[in-house]
């Protein structure tokens, strides 16, 4: 079973059992850790691991706890996130962890024990509270009886206050776990639907290109391989592959012309070998004009071209770090969407039997 399916099943199971009798906050936290691990979520795995760790006795101060957690907990996963973004996310989550552990509103003191230790301590306090309700021995003098009752009441009041402080911390942790689970459920559900839609679109594009333009298909596959490798140079090459796909498809759909052509906008457009985006725009204009979704496809094509040009310019200047994985992912997906539209236009325009 793929990790995403295992994570999805575990999320559903944990949500269903969230308030079940006997389900401890420590057990919920361990399940959430496993979900974060299956999803490769380094930020979540870090704060969840801190919730399960006796930070108070393992480290001498909070800064040391933060540093050690970043070095030892989910460090490999955190490196997949751009530095500034990772730092901002980690800082927000660490601040949230400390806020949940505050013993009093507005106070600086925080309980940094593991969630399991807090639950065990709260249970011990409950048992001590119960002991204060035991009837005094028979035959006590009235003065001694009054003092005994007063001492028991005072002890019970202190025990209840200490227990409530711990249970407030546990309630805040549990609320954060619920938030994590519901957010993850949404992301997995939405992601699965999006993945299925894109899988169908990609299958259509790949099938069409197998016949129409095998070189373009190979260029798309090269872009995906580069994205999987994930390095700075790989991201730059993935962008280059996307532009090569558009160039190869333009050569197939609308070969270069030496003379400019007047477009539907009444302006003269260069349609030589280098002007492959103009050629694709002209292909759409001549094939469907203003009918169907021609204008939409042209706008999408211009947007993809602008994105690819901007990111390629950054990469060519050697500032690969400014080109994020997210930006490249977006360009590859949008290139696929535009190519799918172009291929569908070609398919509808083709004579029967073509």
C-alpha atoms as a PDB file:
ATOM      1  CA  UNK A   1       0.000   0.000   0.000  1.00  0.00           C
ATOM      2  CA  UNK A   2       1.426   3.449  -0.937  1.00  0.00           C
ATOM      3  CA  UNK A   3       2.415   5.710   1.956  1.00  0.00           C
ATOM      4  CA  UNK A   4      -0.282   8.245   1.049  1.00  0.00           C
ATOM      5  CA  UNK A   5      -2.956   5.530   1.362  1.00  0.00           C
ATOM      6  CA  UNK A   6      -1.542   4.343   4.670  1.00  0.00           C
ATOM      7  CA  UNK A   7      -1.515   7.916   5.944  1.00  0.00           C
ATOM      8  CA  UNK A   8      -5.090   8.493   4.764  1.00  0.00           C
ATOM      9  CA  UNK A   9      -6.326   5.317   6.457  1.00  0.00           C
ATOM     10  CA  UNK A  10      -4.538   6.194   9.688  1.00  0.00           C
ATOM     11  CA  UNK A  11      -5.999   9.717   9.652  1.00  0.00           C
ATOM     12  CA  UNK A  12      -9.529   8.353   9.297  1.00  0.00           C
ATOM     13  CA  UNK A  13      -8.974   5.750  12.000  1.00  0.00           C
ATOM     14  CA  UNK A  14      -7.517   8.326  14.411  1.00  0.00           C
ATOM     15  CA  UNK A  15     -10.323  10.821  13.812  1.00  0.00           C
ATOM     16  CA  UNK A  16     -12.942   8.107  14.385  1.00  0.00           C
ATOM     17  CA  UNK A  17     -11.307   7.076  17.675  1.00  0.00           C
ATOM     18  CA  UNK A  18     -10.276  10.557  18.790  1.00  0.00           C
ATOM     19  CA  UNK A  19     -12.709  10.788  21.722  1.00  0.00           C
ATOM     20  CA  UNK A  20     -13.034   7.066  22.375  1.00  0.00           C
ATOM     21  CA  UNK A  21     -12.822   5.997  26.052  1.00  0.00           C
ATOM     22  CA  UNK A  22      -9.257   5.109  26.988  1.00  0.00           C
ATOM     23  CA  UNK A  23      -7.690   6.957  24.030  1.00  0.00           C
ATOM     24  CA  UNK A  24      -4.902   8.982  25.605  1.00  0.00           C
ATOM     25  CA  UNK A  25      -3.433  12.204  24.263  1.00  0.00           C
ATOM     26  CA  UNK A  26      -0.033  10.466  24.181  1.00  0.00           C
ATOM     27  CA  UNK A  27      -1.442   7.723  21.925  1.00  0.00           C
ATOM     28  CA  UNK A  28      -3.018  10.322  19.632  1.00  0.00           C
ATOM     29  CA  UNK A  29       0.293  12.173  19.444  1.00  0.00           C
ATOM     30  CA  UNK A  30       2.183   9.005  18.436  1.00  0.00           C
ATOM     31  CA  UNK A  31      -0.358   8.333  15.692  1.00  0.00           C
ATOM     32  CA  UNK A  32       0.001  11.877  14.406  1.00  0.00           C
ATOM     33  CA  UNK A  33       3.798  11.437  14.386  1.00  0.00           C
ATOM     34  CA  UNK A  34       3.397   8.386  12.189  1.00  0.00           C
ATOM     35  CA  UNK A  35       1.093  10.258   9.822  1.00  0.00           C
ATOM     36  CA  UNK A  36       3.582  13.119   9.541  1.00  0.00           C
ATOM     37  CA  UNK A  37       6.371  10.617   8.878  1.00  0.00           C
ATOM     38  CA  UNK A  38       4.399   8.841   6.138  1.00  0.00           C
ATOM     39  CA  UNK A  39       3.689  12.185   4.467  1.00  0.00           C
ATOM     40  CA  UNK A  40       7.246  13.454   4.777  1.00  0.00           C
ATOM     41  CA  UNK A  41       6.032  16.454   6.785  1.00  0.00           C
ATOM     42  CA  UNK A  42       9.213  17.527   8.576  1.00  0.00           C
ATOM     43  CA  UNK A  43       7.739  20.586  10.308  1.00  0.00           C
ATOM     44  CA  UNK A  44       4.805  18.669  11.819  1.00  0.00           C
ATOM     45  CA  UNK A  45       7.036  15.750  12.752  1.00  0.00           C
ATOM     46  CA  UNK A  46       9.313  18.123  14.657  1.00  0.00           C
ATOM     47  CA  UNK A  47       6.670  19.700  16.900  1.00  0.00           C
ATOM     48  CA  UNK A  48       4.887  16.384  17.383  1.00  0.00           C
ATOM     49  CA  UNK A  49       8.135  14.784  18.511  1.00  0.00           C
ATOM     50  CA  UNK A  50       8.691  17.617  20.967  1.00  0.00           C
ATOM     51  CA  UNK A  51       5.220  16.970  22.393  1.00  0.00           C
ATOM     52  CA  UNK A  52       6.324  13.374  23.037  1.00  0.00           C
ATOM     53  CA  UNK A  53       9.699  14.323  24.533  1.00  0.00           C
ATOM     54  CA  UNK A  54      10.631  15.228  28.108  1.00  0.00           C
ATOM     55  CA  UNK A  55      12.214  18.483  27.009  1.00  0.00           C
ATOM     56  CA  UNK A  56      12.329  19.792  30.585  1.00  0.00           C
ATOM     57  CA  UNK A  57      14.869  17.199  31.710  1.00  0.00           C
ATOM     58  CA  UNK A  58      16.569  16.458  28.399  1.00  0.00           C
ATOM     59  CA  UNK A  59      17.759  20.010  27.744  1.00  0.00           C
ATOM     60  CA  UNK A  60      18.951  22.812  29.986  1.00  0.00           C
ATOM     61  CA  UNK A  61      17.048  25.580  28.205  1.00  0.00           C
ATOM     62  CA  UNK A  62      14.498  26.187  25.450  1.00  0.00           C
ATOM     63  CA  UNK A  63      17.034  27.428  22.900  1.00  0.00           C
ATOM     64  CA  UNK A  64      19.012  24.217  23.324  1.00  0.00           C
ATOM     65  CA  UNK A  65      15.805  22.208  22.916  1.00  0.00           C
ATOM     66  CA  UNK A  66      14.980  24.089  19.725  1.00  0.00           C
ATOM     67  CA  UNK A  67      18.484  23.608  18.325  1.00  0.00           C
ATOM     68  CA  UNK A  68      18.619  19.904  19.181  1.00  0.00           C
ATOM     69  CA  UNK A  69      15.172  19.289  17.738  1.00  0.00           C
ATOM     70  CA  UNK A  70      16.110  20.932  14.475  1.00  0.00           C
ATOM     71  CA  UNK A  71      19.306  18.910  14.290  1.00  0.00           C
ATOM     72  CA  UNK A  72      17.902  15.538  15.275  1.00  0.00           C
ATOM     73  CA  UNK A  73      14.159  15.532  14.555  1.00  0.00           C
ATOM     74  CA  UNK A  74      13.026  15.364  10.968  1.00  0.00           C
ATOM     75  CA  UNK A  75      16.176  17.209   9.854  1.00  0.00           C
ATOM     76  CA  UNK A  76      16.296  15.436   6.492  1.00  0.00           C
ATOM     77  CA  UNK A  77      12.690  16.336   5.790  1.00  0.00           C
ATOM     78  CA  UNK A  78      13.187  19.961   6.763  1.00  0.00           C
ATOM     79  CA  UNK A  79      16.019  20.289   4.239  1.00  0.00           C
ATOM     80  CA  UNK A  80      13.502  19.746   1.415  1.00  0.00           C
ATOM     81  CA  UNK A  81      11.877  23.092   2.299  1.00  0.00           C
ATOM     82  CA  UNK A  82      13.600  26.330   1.183  1.00  0.00           C
ATOM     83  CA  UNK A  83      15.613  27.776   4.085  1.00  0.00           C
ATOM     84  CA  UNK A  84      13.628  30.942   4.821  1.00  0.00           C
ATOM     85  CA  UNK A  85      10.313  29.117   4.514  1.00  0.00           C
ATOM     86  CA  UNK A  86      11.487  26.286   6.787  1.00  0.00           C
ATOM     87  CA  UNK A  87      12.728  28.754   9.409  1.00  0.00           C
ATOM     88  CA  UNK A  88       9.456  30.670   9.419  1.00  0.00           C
ATOM     89  CA  UNK A  89       7.353  27.513   9.695  1.00  0.00           C
ATOM     90  CA  UNK A  90       9.536  26.025  12.406  1.00  0.00           C
ATOM     91  CA  UNK A  91       9.501  29.249  14.443  1.00  0.00           C
ATOM     92  CA  UNK A  92       5.703  29.447  14.247  1.00  0.00           C
ATOM     93  CA  UNK A  93       5.277  25.821  15.317  1.00  0.00           C
ATOM     94  CA  UNK A  94       7.828  26.106  18.135  1.00  0.00           C
ATOM     95  CA  UNK A  95       6.116  29.228  19.450  1.00  0.00           C
ATOM     96  CA  UNK A  96       2.823  27.333  19.296  1.00  0.00           C
ATOM     97  CA  UNK A  97       4.353  24.447  21.277  1.00  0.00           C
ATOM     98  CA  UNK A  98       5.548  26.809  24.033  1.00  0.00           C
ATOM     99  CA  UNK A  99       2.172  28.596  24.093  1.00  0.00           C
ATOM    100  CA  UNK A 100       0.329  25.293  24.576  1.00  0.00           C
ATOM    101  CA  UNK A 101       2.630  24.440  27.480  1.00  0.00           C
ATOM    102  CA  UNK A 102       2.090  27.688  29.426  1.00  0.00           C
ATOM    103  CA  UNK A 103       0.905  26.886  32.947  1.00  0.00           C
ATOM    104  CA  UNK A 104      -0.933  30.198  33.287  1.00  0.00           C
ATOM    105  CA  UNK A 105      -2.247  32.734  30.807  1.00  0.00           C
ATOM    106  CA  UNK A 106       0.400  35.368  30.154  1.00  0.00           C
ATOM    107  CA  UNK A 107       2.981  33.579  32.303  1.00  0.00           C
ATOM    108  CA  UNK A 108       6.451  32.701  31.064  1.00  0.00           C
ATOM    109  CA  UNK A 109       6.627  29.336  32.831  1.00  0.00           C
ATOM    110  CA  UNK A 110       5.903  26.370  30.568  1.00  0.00           C
ATOM    111  CA  UNK A 111       5.521  22.657  31.300  1.00  0.00           C
ATOM    112  CA  UNK A 112       7.977  20.921  28.956  1.00  0.00           C
ATOM    113  CA  UNK A 113       7.395  17.346  30.095  1.00  0.00           C
ATOM    114  CA  UNK A 114       6.321  14.762  27.552  1.00  0.00           C
ATOM    115  CA  UNK A 115       2.585  14.496  26.982  1.00  0.00           C
ATOM    116  CA  UNK A 116       2.618  10.997  28.484  1.00  0.00           C
ATOM    117  CA  UNK A 117       4.330  12.272  31.660  1.00  0.00           C
ATOM    118  CA  UNK A 118       1.735  15.034  31.981  1.00  0.00           C
ATOM    119  CA  UNK A 119      -1.091  12.503  31.659  1.00  0.00           C
ATOM    120  CA  UNK A 120       0.486  10.202  34.248  1.00  0.00           C
ATOM    121  CA  UNK A 121       0.989  13.099  36.666  1.00  0.00           C
ATOM    122  CA  UNK A 122      -2.623  14.213  36.204  1.00  0.00           C
ATOM    123  CA  UNK A 123      -3.777  10.665  36.969  1.00  0.00           C
ATOM    124  CA  UNK A 124      -1.633  10.597  40.132  1.00  0.00           C
ATOM    125  CA  UNK A 125      -3.216  13.856  41.267  1.00  0.00           C
ATOM    126  CA  UNK A 126      -6.701  12.396  40.678  1.00  0.00           C
ATOM    127  CA  UNK A 127      -5.852   9.444  42.886  1.00  0.00           C
ATOM    128  CA  UNK A 128      -4.527  11.760  45.596  1.00  0.00           C
ATOM    129  CA  UNK A 129      -7.719  13.820  45.365  1.00  0.00           C
ATOM    130  CA  UNK A 130      -9.781  10.675  45.840  1.00  0.00           C
ATOM    131  CA  UNK A 131      -7.771   9.854  48.956  1.00  0.00           C
ATOM    132  CA  UNK A 132      -8.772  13.172  50.531  1.00  0.00           C
ATOM    133  CA  UNK A 133     -12.424  12.120  50.340  1.00  0.00           C
ATOM    134  CA  UNK A 134     -11.920   9.026  52.512  1.00  0.00           C
ATOM    135  CA  UNK A 135     -13.863   9.259  55.740  1.00  0.00           C
ATOM    136  CA  UNK A 136     -11.770  10.029  58.846  1.00  0.00           C
ATOM    137  CA  UNK A 137     -11.148   7.292  61.401  1.00  0.00           C
ATOM    138  CA  UNK A 138     -14.028   6.850  63.848  1.00  0.00           C
ATOM    139  CA  UNK A 139     -13.762   8.159  67.400  1.00  0.00           C
ATOM    140  CA  UNK A 140     -11.763  11.309  66.605  1.00  0.00           C
ATOM    141  CA  UNK A 141     -12.096  14.230  68.993  1.00  0.00           C
ATOM    142  CA  UNK A 142     -14.177  17.044  67.527  1.00  0.00           C
ATOM    143  CA  UNK A 143     -11.180  19.416  67.433  1.00  0.00           C
ATOM    144  CA  UNK A 144      -8.998  16.815  65.686  1.00  0.00           C
ATOM    145  CA  UNK A 145     -11.859  15.965  63.348  1.00  0.00           C
ATOM    146  CA  UNK A 146     -12.307  19.611  62.386  1.00  0.00           C
ATOM    147  CA  UNK A 147      -8.597  20.043  61.768  1.00  0.00           C
ATOM    148  CA  UNK A 148      -8.502  16.819  59.728  1.00  0.00           C
ATOM    149  CA  UNK A 149     -11.372  17.931  57.534  1.00  0.00           C
ATOM    150  CA  UNK A 150      -9.819  21.382  57.089  1.00  0.00           C
ATOM    151  CA  UNK A 151      -6.431  19.910  56.124  1.00  0.00           C
ATOM    152  CA  UNK A 152      -8.058  17.512  53.669  1.00  0.00           C
ATOM    153  CA  UNK A 153     -10.066  20.306  52.078  1.00  0.00           C
ATOM    154  CA  UNK A 154      -6.962  22.462  51.736  1.00  0.00           C
ATOM    155  CA  UNK A 155      -4.971  19.584  50.205  1.00  0.00           C
ATOM    156  CA  UNK A 156      -7.817  18.738  47.818  1.00  0.00           C
ATOM    157  CA  UNK A 157      -8.051  22.364  46.668  1.00  0.00           C
ATOM    158  CA  UNK A 158      -4.319  22.414  45.888  1.00  0.00           C
ATOM    159  CA  UNK A 159      -4.484  19.063  44.127  1.00  0.00           C
ATOM    160  CA  UNK A 160      -7.441  20.156  41.981  1.00  0.00           C
ATOM    161  CA  UNK A 161      -5.648  23.389  41.006  1.00  0.00           C
ATOM    162  CA  UNK A 162      -2.496  21.470  40.003  1.00  0.00           C
ATOM    163  CA  UNK A 163      -4.506  18.883  38.066  1.00  0.00           C
ATOM    164  CA  UNK A 164      -6.546  21.520  36.233  1.00  0.00           C
ATOM    165  CA  UNK A 165      -3.338  23.256  35.149  1.00  0.00           C
ATOM    166  CA  UNK A 166      -2.115  19.987  33.627  1.00  0.00           C
ATOM    167  CA  UNK A 167      -5.464  19.191  32.040  1.00  0.00           C
ATOM    168  CA  UNK A 168      -5.610  22.632  30.452  1.00  0.00           C
ATOM    169  CA  UNK A 169      -2.223  21.917  28.844  1.00  0.00           C
ATOM    170  CA  UNK A 170      -3.489  18.515  27.657  1.00  0.00           C
ATOM    171  CA  UNK A 171      -6.646  20.108  26.256  1.00  0.00           C
ATOM    172  CA  UNK A 172      -4.608  22.593  24.226  1.00  0.00           C
ATOM    173  CA  UNK A 173      -2.373  19.814  22.894  1.00  0.00           C
ATOM    174  CA  UNK A 174      -5.400  17.700  22.010  1.00  0.00           C
ATOM    175  CA  UNK A 175      -7.017  20.624  20.186  1.00  0.00           C
ATOM    176  CA  UNK A 176      -3.837  21.095  18.124  1.00  0.00           C
ATOM    177  CA  UNK A 177      -3.805  17.384  17.273  1.00  0.00           C
ATOM    178  CA  UNK A 178      -7.422  17.599  16.074  1.00  0.00           C
ATOM    179  CA  UNK A 179      -6.516  20.624  13.946  1.00  0.00           C
ATOM    180  CA  UNK A 180      -3.557  18.728  12.476  1.00  0.00           C
ATOM    181  CA  UNK A 181      -5.702  15.685  11.673  1.00  0.00           C
ATOM    182  CA  UNK A 182      -8.544  17.618  10.036  1.00  0.00           C
ATOM    183  CA  UNK A 183      -6.113  19.726   7.988  1.00  0.00           C
ATOM    184  CA  UNK A 184      -4.312  16.571   6.880  1.00  0.00           C
ATOM    185  CA  UNK A 185      -7.614  14.883   6.013  1.00  0.00           C
ATOM    186  CA  UNK A 186      -8.554  17.824   3.785  1.00  0.00           C
ATOM    187  CA  UNK A 187      -5.149  17.922   2.098  1.00  0.00           C
ATOM    188  CA  UNK A 188      -5.174  14.191   1.422  1.00  0.00           C
ATOM    189  CA  UNK A 189      -8.746  14.194   0.122  1.00  0.00           C
ATOM    190  CA  UNK A 190      -8.229  17.252  -2.085  1.00  0.00           C
ATOM    191  CA  UNK A 191      -4.820  16.010  -3.188  1.00  0.00           C
ATOM    192  CA  UNK A 192      -6.160  12.615  -4.219  1.00  0.00           C
ATOM    193  CA  UNK A 193      -8.912  14.185  -6.326  1.00  0.00           C
ATOM    194  CA  UNK A 194      -6.448  16.580  -7.947  1.00  0.00           C
ATOM    195  CA  UNK A 195      -3.967  13.773  -8.585  1.00  0.00           C
ATOM    196  CA  UNK A 196      -6.631  11.651 -10.285  1.00  0.00           C
ATOM    197  CA  UNK A 197      -7.654  14.552 -12.522  1.00  0.00           C
ATOM    198  CA  UNK A 198      -4.065  15.330 -13.482  1.00  0.00           C
ATOM    199  CA  UNK A 199      -3.319  11.636 -14.017  1.00  0.00           C
ATOM    200  CA  UNK A 200      -6.140  11.422 -16.587  1.00  0.00           C
ATOM    201  CA  UNK A 201      -4.926  14.594 -18.313  1.00  0.00           C
ATOM    202  CA  UNK A 202      -1.329  13.399 -18.383  1.00  0.00           C
ATOM    203  CA  UNK A 203      -2.381  10.013 -19.763  1.00  0.00           C
ATOM    204  CA  UNK A 204      -4.230  11.794 -22.586  1.00  0.00           C
ATOM    205  CA  UNK A 205      -1.254  14.033 -23.399  1.00  0.00           C
ATOM    206  CA  UNK A 206       1.246  11.171 -23.296  1.00  0.00           C
ATOM    207  CA  UNK A 207      -0.933   9.020 -25.543  1.00  0.00           C
ATOM    208  CA  UNK A 208      -1.375  11.802 -28.092  1.00  0.00           C
ATOM    209  CA  UNK A 209       2.314  12.730 -28.115  1.00  0.00           C
ATOM    210  CA  UNK A 210       3.319   9.101 -28.592  1.00  0.00           C
ATOM    211  CA  UNK A 211       1.835   9.368 -32.107  1.00  0.00           C
ATOM    212  CA  UNK A 212       2.089  13.057 -32.888  1.00  0.00           C
ATOM    213  CA  UNK A 213       5.444  14.025 -31.416  1.00  0.00           C
ATOM    214  CA  UNK A 214       7.540  11.409 -29.561  1.00  0.00           C
ATOM    215  CA  UNK A 215      10.336  13.999 -29.030  1.00  0.00           C
ATOM    216  CA  UNK A 216       7.936  16.228 -27.067  1.00  0.00           C
ATOM    217  CA  UNK A 217       6.914  13.268 -24.926  1.00  0.00           C
ATOM    218  CA  UNK A 218      10.556  12.516 -24.159  1.00  0.00           C
ATOM    219  CA  UNK A 219      11.090  16.162 -23.217  1.00  0.00           C
ATOM    220  CA  UNK A 220       8.165  16.021 -20.779  1.00  0.00           C
ATOM    221  CA  UNK A 221       9.594  12.865 -19.245  1.00  0.00           C
ATOM    222  CA  UNK A 222      12.960  14.596 -18.925  1.00  0.00           C
ATOM    223  CA  UNK A 223      11.288  17.478 -17.058  1.00  0.00           C
ATOM    224  CA  UNK A 224       9.725  15.020 -14.602  1.00  0.00           C
ATOM    225  CA  UNK A 225      13.000  13.201 -14.058  1.00  0.00           C
ATOM    226  CA  UNK A 226      14.694  16.522 -13.336  1.00  0.00           C
ATOM    227  CA  UNK A 227      11.996  17.483 -10.853  1.00  0.00           C
ATOM    228  CA  UNK A 228      12.405  14.166  -9.054  1.00  0.00           C
ATOM    229  CA  UNK A 229      16.156  14.758  -8.696  1.00  0.00           C
ATOM    230  CA  UNK A 230      15.321  18.063  -7.030  1.00  0.00           C
ATOM    231  CA  UNK A 231      18.614  20.001  -7.270  1.00  0.00           C
ATOM    232  CA  UNK A 232      19.017  23.617  -8.335  1.00  0.00           C
ATOM    233  CA  UNK A 233      20.449  22.647 -11.731  1.00  0.00           C
ATOM    234  CA  UNK A 234      17.706  20.032 -12.124  1.00  0.00           C
ATOM    235  CA  UNK A 235      14.994  22.658 -11.630  1.00  0.00           C
ATOM    236  CA  UNK A 236      16.603  24.858 -14.267  1.00  0.00           C
ATOM    237  CA  UNK A 237      16.774  21.940 -16.720  1.00  0.00           C
ATOM    238  CA  UNK A 238      13.132  21.064 -16.041  1.00  0.00           C
ATOM    239  CA  UNK A 239      12.133  24.582 -17.088  1.00  0.00           C
ATOM    240  CA  UNK A 240      14.238  24.299 -20.230  1.00  0.00           C
ATOM    241  CA  UNK A 241      12.537  20.994 -21.036  1.00  0.00           C
ATOM    242  CA  UNK A 242       9.122  22.665 -20.759  1.00  0.00           C
ATOM    243  CA  UNK A 243      10.107  25.290 -23.332  1.00  0.00           C
ATOM    244  CA  UNK A 244      11.465  22.561 -25.582  1.00  0.00           C
ATOM    245  CA  UNK A 245       8.113  20.780 -25.397  1.00  0.00           C
ATOM    246  CA  UNK A 246       6.335  23.914 -26.622  1.00  0.00           C
ATOM    247  CA  UNK A 247       8.927  24.408 -29.356  1.00  0.00           C
ATOM    248  CA  UNK A 248       8.661  20.810 -30.549  1.00  0.00           C
ATOM    249  CA  UNK A 249       4.860  20.960 -30.546  1.00  0.00           C
ATOM    250  CA  UNK A 250       4.902  24.262 -32.439  1.00  0.00           C
ATOM    251  CA  UNK A 251       7.142  22.701 -35.094  1.00  0.00           C
ATOM    252  CA  UNK A 252       4.567  19.936 -35.479  1.00  0.00           C
ATOM    253  CA  UNK A 253       1.385  22.038 -35.416  1.00  0.00           C
ATOM    254  CA  UNK A 254       2.560  25.235 -37.101  1.00  0.00           C
ATOM    255  CA  UNK A 255       5.966  25.027 -38.833  1.00  0.00           C
ATOM    256  CA  UNK A 256       8.095  28.158 -38.986  1.00  0.00           C
ATOM    257  CA  UNK A 257       7.528  30.728 -41.724  1.00  0.00           C
ATOM    258  CA  UNK A 258      10.039  33.200 -43.050  1.00  0.00           C
ATOM    259  CA  UNK A 259       7.503  35.997 -43.519  1.00  0.00           C
ATOM    260  CA  UNK A 260       5.512  37.651 -40.721  1.00  0.00           C
ATOM    261  CA  UNK A 261       1.774  36.958 -40.570  1.00  0.00           C
ATOM    262  CA  UNK A 262      -1.009  39.343 -39.666  1.00  0.00           C
ATOM    263  CA  UNK A 263      -2.892  37.989 -36.685  1.00  0.00           C
ATOM    264  CA  UNK A 264      -6.539  38.352 -35.719  1.00  0.00           C
ATOM    265  CA  UNK A 265      -5.503  41.396 -33.711  1.00  0.00           C
ATOM    266  CA  UNK A 266      -4.500  43.112 -36.966  1.00  0.00           C
ATOM    267  CA  UNK A 267      -0.826  43.206 -35.982  1.00  0.00           C
ATOM    268  CA  UNK A 268       2.100  41.629 -37.788  1.00  0.00           C
ATOM    269  CA  UNK A 269       3.699  38.723 -35.922  1.00  0.00           C
ATOM    270  CA  UNK A 270       7.045  37.064 -36.487  1.00  0.00           C
ATOM    271  CA  UNK A 271       6.605  33.321 -36.996  1.00  0.00           C
ATOM    272  CA  UNK A 272      10.167  32.148 -37.592  1.00  0.00           C
ATOM    273  CA  UNK A 273      11.812  29.169 -35.887  1.00  0.00           C
ATOM    274  CA  UNK A 274      12.583  31.022 -32.636  1.00  0.00           C
ATOM    275  CA  UNK A 275       9.079  32.500 -32.307  1.00  0.00           C
ATOM    276  CA  UNK A 276       7.456  29.174 -31.383  1.00  0.00           C
ATOM    277  CA  UNK A 277       5.001  30.708 -28.894  1.00  0.00           C
ATOM    278  CA  UNK A 278       3.758  33.105 -31.589  1.00  0.00           C
ATOM    279  CA  UNK A 279       3.341  30.108 -33.869  1.00  0.00           C
ATOM    280  CA  UNK A 280       1.229  28.272 -31.306  1.00  0.00           C
ATOM    281  CA  UNK A 281      -0.880  31.385 -30.725  1.00  0.00           C
ATOM    282  CA  UNK A 282      -1.385  31.722 -34.455  1.00  0.00           C
ATOM    283  CA  UNK A 283      -2.290  28.031 -34.702  1.00  0.00           C
ATOM    284  CA  UNK A 284      -5.042  28.502 -32.118  1.00  0.00           C
ATOM    285  CA  UNK A 285      -6.275  31.666 -33.811  1.00  0.00           C
ATOM    286  CA  UNK A 286      -6.461  30.052 -37.252  1.00  0.00           C
ATOM    287  CA  UNK A 287      -7.963  26.796 -36.006  1.00  0.00           C
ATOM    288  CA  UNK A 288     -10.700  27.962 -33.628  1.00  0.00           C
ATOM    289  CA  UNK A 289     -10.474  31.767 -33.745  1.00  0.00           C
ATOM    290  CA  UNK A 290     -12.726  33.425 -31.188  1.00  0.00           C
ATOM    291  CA  UNK A 291     -14.987  30.387 -30.967  1.00  0.00           C
ATOM    292  CA  UNK A 292     -14.929  27.635 -28.320  1.00  0.00           C
ATOM    293  CA  UNK A 293     -12.097  28.238 -25.840  1.00  0.00           C
ATOM    294  CA  UNK A 294      -9.563  29.740 -28.226  1.00  0.00           C
ATOM    295  CA  UNK A 295      -9.115  32.980 -26.284  1.00  0.00           C
ATOM    296  CA  UNK A 296      -8.747  31.061 -23.018  1.00  0.00           C
ATOM    297  CA  UNK A 297      -6.075  28.777 -24.475  1.00  0.00           C
ATOM    298  CA  UNK A 298      -4.173  31.744 -25.898  1.00  0.00           C
ATOM    299  CA  UNK A 299      -4.246  33.544 -22.532  1.00  0.00           C
ATOM    300  CA  UNK A 300      -3.029  30.399 -20.743  1.00  0.00           C
ATOM    301  CA  UNK A 301      -0.278  29.927 -23.301  1.00  0.00           C
ATOM    302  CA  UNK A 302       0.923  33.516 -22.854  1.00  0.00           C
ATOM    303  CA  UNK A 303       0.914  33.069 -19.070  1.00  0.00           C
ATOM    304  CA  UNK A 304       2.975  29.860 -19.230  1.00  0.00           C
ATOM    305  CA  UNK A 305       5.404  31.502 -21.645  1.00  0.00           C
ATOM    306  CA  UNK A 306       5.829  34.512 -19.331  1.00  0.00           C
ATOM    307  CA  UNK A 307       6.440  32.266 -16.309  1.00  0.00           C
ATOM    308  CA  UNK A 308       8.933  30.084 -18.149  1.00  0.00           C
ATOM    309  CA  UNK A 309      10.804  33.089 -19.517  1.00  0.00           C
ATOM    310  CA  UNK A 310      11.045  34.756 -16.087  1.00  0.00           C
ATOM    311  CA  UNK A 311      12.225  31.619 -14.298  1.00  0.00           C
ATOM    312  CA  UNK A 312      14.612  30.670 -17.089  1.00  0.00           C
ATOM    313  CA  UNK A 313      16.113  34.154 -16.927  1.00  0.00           C
ATOM    314  CA  UNK A 314      16.769  33.684 -13.210  1.00  0.00           C
ATOM    315  CA  UNK A 315      18.306  30.260 -13.778  1.00  0.00           C
ATOM    316  CA  UNK A 316      20.500  31.494 -16.625  1.00  0.00           C
ATOM    317  CA  UNK A 317      21.865  34.238 -14.370  1.00  0.00           C
ATOM    318  CA  UNK A 318      23.005  31.611 -11.871  1.00  0.00           C
ATOM    319  CA  UNK A 319      20.464  32.455  -9.169  1.00  0.00           C
ATOM    320  CA  UNK A 320      19.013  28.956  -9.066  1.00  0.00           C
ATOM    321  CA  UNK A 321      18.123  29.327  -5.397  1.00  0.00           C
ATOM    322  CA  UNK A 322      15.513  31.933  -6.355  1.00  0.00           C
ATOM    323  CA  UNK A 323      13.713  29.318  -8.464  1.00  0.00           C
ATOM    324  CA  UNK A 324      11.740  27.210  -5.986  1.00  0.00           C
ATOM    325  CA  UNK A 325      10.474  23.671  -6.472  1.00  0.00           C
ATOM    326  CA  UNK A 326       6.928  25.006  -6.162  1.00  0.00           C
ATOM    327  CA  UNK A 327       7.441  27.431  -9.050  1.00  0.00           C
ATOM    328  CA  UNK A 328       8.901  24.725 -11.284  1.00  0.00           C
ATOM    329  CA  UNK A 329       6.136  22.277 -10.340  1.00  0.00           C
ATOM    330  CA  UNK A 330       3.573  24.910 -11.274  1.00  0.00           C
ATOM    331  CA  UNK A 331       5.212  25.549 -14.651  1.00  0.00           C
ATOM    332  CA  UNK A 332       5.379  21.854 -15.515  1.00  0.00           C
ATOM    333  CA  UNK A 333       1.710  21.336 -14.607  1.00  0.00           C
ATOM    334  CA  UNK A 334       0.599  24.442 -16.498  1.00  0.00           C
ATOM    335  CA  UNK A 335       2.636  23.389 -19.521  1.00  0.00           C
ATOM    336  CA  UNK A 336       0.821  20.044 -19.441  1.00  0.00           C
ATOM    337  CA  UNK A 337      -2.552  21.842 -19.250  1.00  0.00           C
ATOM    338  CA  UNK A 338      -1.734  24.086 -22.209  1.00  0.00           C
ATOM    339  CA  UNK A 339      -0.404  21.188 -24.288  1.00  0.00           C
ATOM    340  CA  UNK A 340      -3.578  19.216 -23.514  1.00  0.00           C
ATOM    341  CA  UNK A 341      -5.698  22.123 -24.788  1.00  0.00           C
ATOM    342  CA  UNK A 342      -3.613  22.396 -27.952  1.00  0.00           C
ATOM    343  CA  UNK A 343      -3.887  18.670 -28.611  1.00  0.00           C
ATOM    344  CA  UNK A 344      -7.663  18.705 -28.078  1.00  0.00           C
ATOM    345  CA  UNK A 345      -7.980  21.602 -30.535  1.00  0.00           C
ATOM    346  CA  UNK A 346      -5.955  19.614 -33.044  1.00  0.00           C
ATOM    347  CA  UNK A 347      -8.059  16.514 -32.396  1.00  0.00           C
ATOM    348  CA  UNK A 348     -11.365  18.328 -32.936  1.00  0.00           C
ATOM    349  CA  UNK A 349     -10.072  20.106 -36.040  1.00  0.00           C
ATOM    350  CA  UNK A 350      -8.707  16.943 -37.642  1.00  0.00           C
ATOM    351  CA  UNK A 351     -10.775  15.455 -40.497  1.00  0.00           C
ATOM    352  CA  UNK A 352     -12.615  12.226 -39.712  1.00  0.00           C
ATOM    353  CA  UNK A 353     -10.247   9.308 -40.081  1.00  0.00           C
ATOM    354  CA  UNK A 354      -7.113  11.432 -39.445  1.00  0.00           C
END
